[in-house]
Amino acid sequence: MPVQFKKLKGEVKTEANTFTLTEVKQAFTDKDMKLTTGEMVSQFKLENVNQAAFNSVSKDQIYIYEFPTADERIRGSKLIEEQTQLIDIAHFPIYLEHKNILVIFMNYLPKTNELENKIRDALKSL
């Protein structure tokens, strides 16, 4: 049976110490990350979860997921790993987690960790 998540309406905080997509995007902007709206690969999509896809200036992909709770973020992360286990992708997904937020950074090797470090710093600043 697939994992079911509670349907979120807009960007409403669902638990103390949780964050919204808007807050994460603002944290990225505060860390001078220049992002444009991107397309999410279908195997990385989840139903009933606020999510967004972005591209960096260097065309790396960043997927952001907002879950109602940290526990549901853990379940969602496992589900994505299961859904993507057998696909052939030309990048190395790096999973970064903070409270109810999951960020998947699609790192096209070989590259520096500069963008990954900015993502980590932005999540820590929340």
Protein backbone atom coordinates (compact mmCIF):
# COMPACT_ATOMS: atom_id res chain seq x y z
CA MET A 1 0.00 0.00 0.00
CA PRO A 2 1.47 3.40 -0.96
CA VAL A 3 2.31 5.90 1.74
CA GLN A 4 -0.49 8.43 2.15
CA PHE A 5 0.22 11.96 3.30
CA LYS A 6 -2.26 14.42 4.69
CA LYS A 7 -3.42 16.90 2.07
CA LEU A 8 -1.91 20.29 2.75
CA LYS A 9 -3.85 23.43 1.93
CA GLY A 10 -1.48 26.11 0.73
CA GLU A 11 1.45 26.74 2.99
CA VAL A 12 0.01 26.41 6.46
CA LYS A 13 2.30 25.50 9.31
CA THR A 14 1.08 22.14 10.55
CA GLU A 15 3.29 21.68 13.60
CA ALA A 16 5.47 23.83 15.82
CA ASN A 17 9.00 24.20 14.44
CA THR A 18 8.03 23.34 10.89
CA PHE A 19 8.82 25.35 7.80
CA THR A 20 7.08 26.17 4.53
CA LEU A 21 8.37 26.11 0.97
CA THR A 22 8.28 29.91 1.01
CA GLU A 23 10.56 30.04 4.05
CA VAL A 24 12.99 27.58 2.46
CA LYS A 25 13.07 29.54 -0.80
CA GLN A 26 13.72 32.74 1.18
CA ALA A 27 16.58 31.04 3.07
CA PHE A 28 18.08 30.04 -0.29
CA THR A 29 17.75 33.62 -1.56
CA ASP A 30 19.39 34.89 1.63
CA LYS A 31 22.37 32.61 0.86
CA ASP A 32 22.67 34.18 -2.61
CA MET A 33 21.43 31.10 -4.46
CA LYS A 34 20.12 32.06 -7.88
CA LEU A 35 17.40 29.59 -8.84
CA THR A 36 14.86 29.34 -11.62
CA THR A 37 11.71 27.23 -11.69
CA GLY A 38 12.42 23.72 -12.94
CA GLU A 39 10.72 20.45 -13.77
CA MET A 40 10.67 17.51 -11.38
CA VAL A 41 11.42 14.04 -12.73
CA SER A 42 8.19 12.03 -12.30
CA GLN A 43 9.78 9.35 -10.08
CA PHE A 44 10.64 12.04 -7.53
CA LYS A 45 7.08 13.38 -7.26
CA LEU A 46 4.89 12.60 -4.26
CA GLU A 47 1.14 12.99 -3.96
CA ASN A 48 -0.43 15.32 -1.40
CA VAL A 49 2.87 16.98 -0.45
CA ASN A 50 3.87 20.58 -1.15
CA GLN A 51 6.89 20.34 -3.44
CA ALA A 52 8.82 22.45 -5.90
CA ALA A 53 11.63 21.99 -8.42
CA PHE A 54 14.35 24.51 -9.24
CA ASN A 55 17.41 24.76 -11.45
CA SER A 56 20.61 26.47 -10.42
CA VAL A 57 22.60 28.72 -12.73
CA SER A 58 24.78 25.70 -13.54
CA LYS A 59 21.62 23.65 -14.32
CA ASP A 60 21.78 21.47 -11.21
CA GLN A 61 18.32 20.44 -10.05
CA ILE A 62 16.97 21.04 -6.55
CA TYR A 63 13.75 19.46 -5.31
CA ILE A 64 12.14 20.79 -2.13
CA TYR A 65 9.43 18.94 -0.21
CA GLU A 66 7.37 20.35 2.67
CA PHE A 67 5.88 17.65 4.91
CA PRO A 68 3.42 18.22 7.76
CA THR A 69 5.84 16.65 10.28
CA ALA A 70 9.40 15.39 10.55
CA ASP A 71 8.08 11.82 10.85
CA GLU A 72 6.23 12.14 7.55
CA ARG A 73 9.39 13.61 6.00
CA ILE A 74 11.24 10.43 6.97
CA ARG A 75 8.51 8.29 5.40
CA GLY A 76 8.50 10.45 2.28
CA SER A 77 12.26 10.24 1.91
CA LYS A 78 12.12 6.44 2.08
CA LEU A 79 9.31 6.37 -0.48
CA ILE A 80 11.30 8.52 -2.92
CA GLU A 81 14.33 6.27 -2.49
CA GLU A 82 12.15 3.24 -3.29
CA GLN A 83 10.53 4.95 -6.30
CA THR A 84 13.90 5.96 -7.76
CA GLN A 85 15.89 2.83 -6.95
CA LEU A 86 15.68 1.35 -10.44
CA ILE A 87 15.80 4.45 -12.63
CA ASP A 88 18.91 5.34 -14.59
CA ILE A 89 19.79 8.94 -13.88
CA ALA A 90 22.85 10.93 -14.89
CA HIS A 91 23.32 12.54 -11.51
CA PHE A 92 23.88 11.70 -7.89
CA PRO A 93 20.95 12.73 -5.65
CA ILE A 94 22.01 14.13 -2.27
CA TYR A 95 19.29 14.06 0.40
CA LEU A 96 19.38 16.98 2.85
CA GLU A 97 16.84 17.06 5.68
CA HIS A 98 15.82 19.65 8.25
CA LYS A 99 12.78 19.18 10.49
CA ASN A 100 9.81 18.77 8.10
CA ILE A 101 11.78 19.79 4.98
CA LEU A 102 13.48 17.47 2.51
CA VAL A 103 15.76 18.88 -0.18
CA ILE A 104 17.14 16.66 -2.90
CA PHE A 105 20.12 18.18 -4.67
CA MET A 106 20.88 16.55 -8.02
CA ASN A 107 24.65 16.75 -8.19
CA TYR A 108 26.12 16.24 -11.64
CA LEU A 109 29.61 14.92 -10.96
CA PRO A 110 32.33 16.06 -11.01
CA LYS A 111 31.53 19.39 -9.43
CA THR A 112 32.44 21.33 -6.36
CA ASN A 113 30.28 21.21 -3.27
CA GLU A 114 29.67 24.98 -3.28
CA LEU A 115 25.94 24.75 -4.04
CA GLU A 116 25.46 21.82 -1.67
CA ASN A 117 27.16 23.84 1.08
CA LYS A 118 24.86 26.80 0.40
CA ILE A 119 21.81 24.52 0.66
CA ARG A 120 23.08 23.13 3.98
CA ASP A 121 23.73 26.66 5.29
CA ALA A 122 20.28 27.82 4.21
CA LEU A 123 18.58 24.91 5.99
CA LYS A 124 20.62 25.55 9.14
CA SER A 125 19.54 29.20 9.09
CA LEU A 126 15.85 28.27 9.38
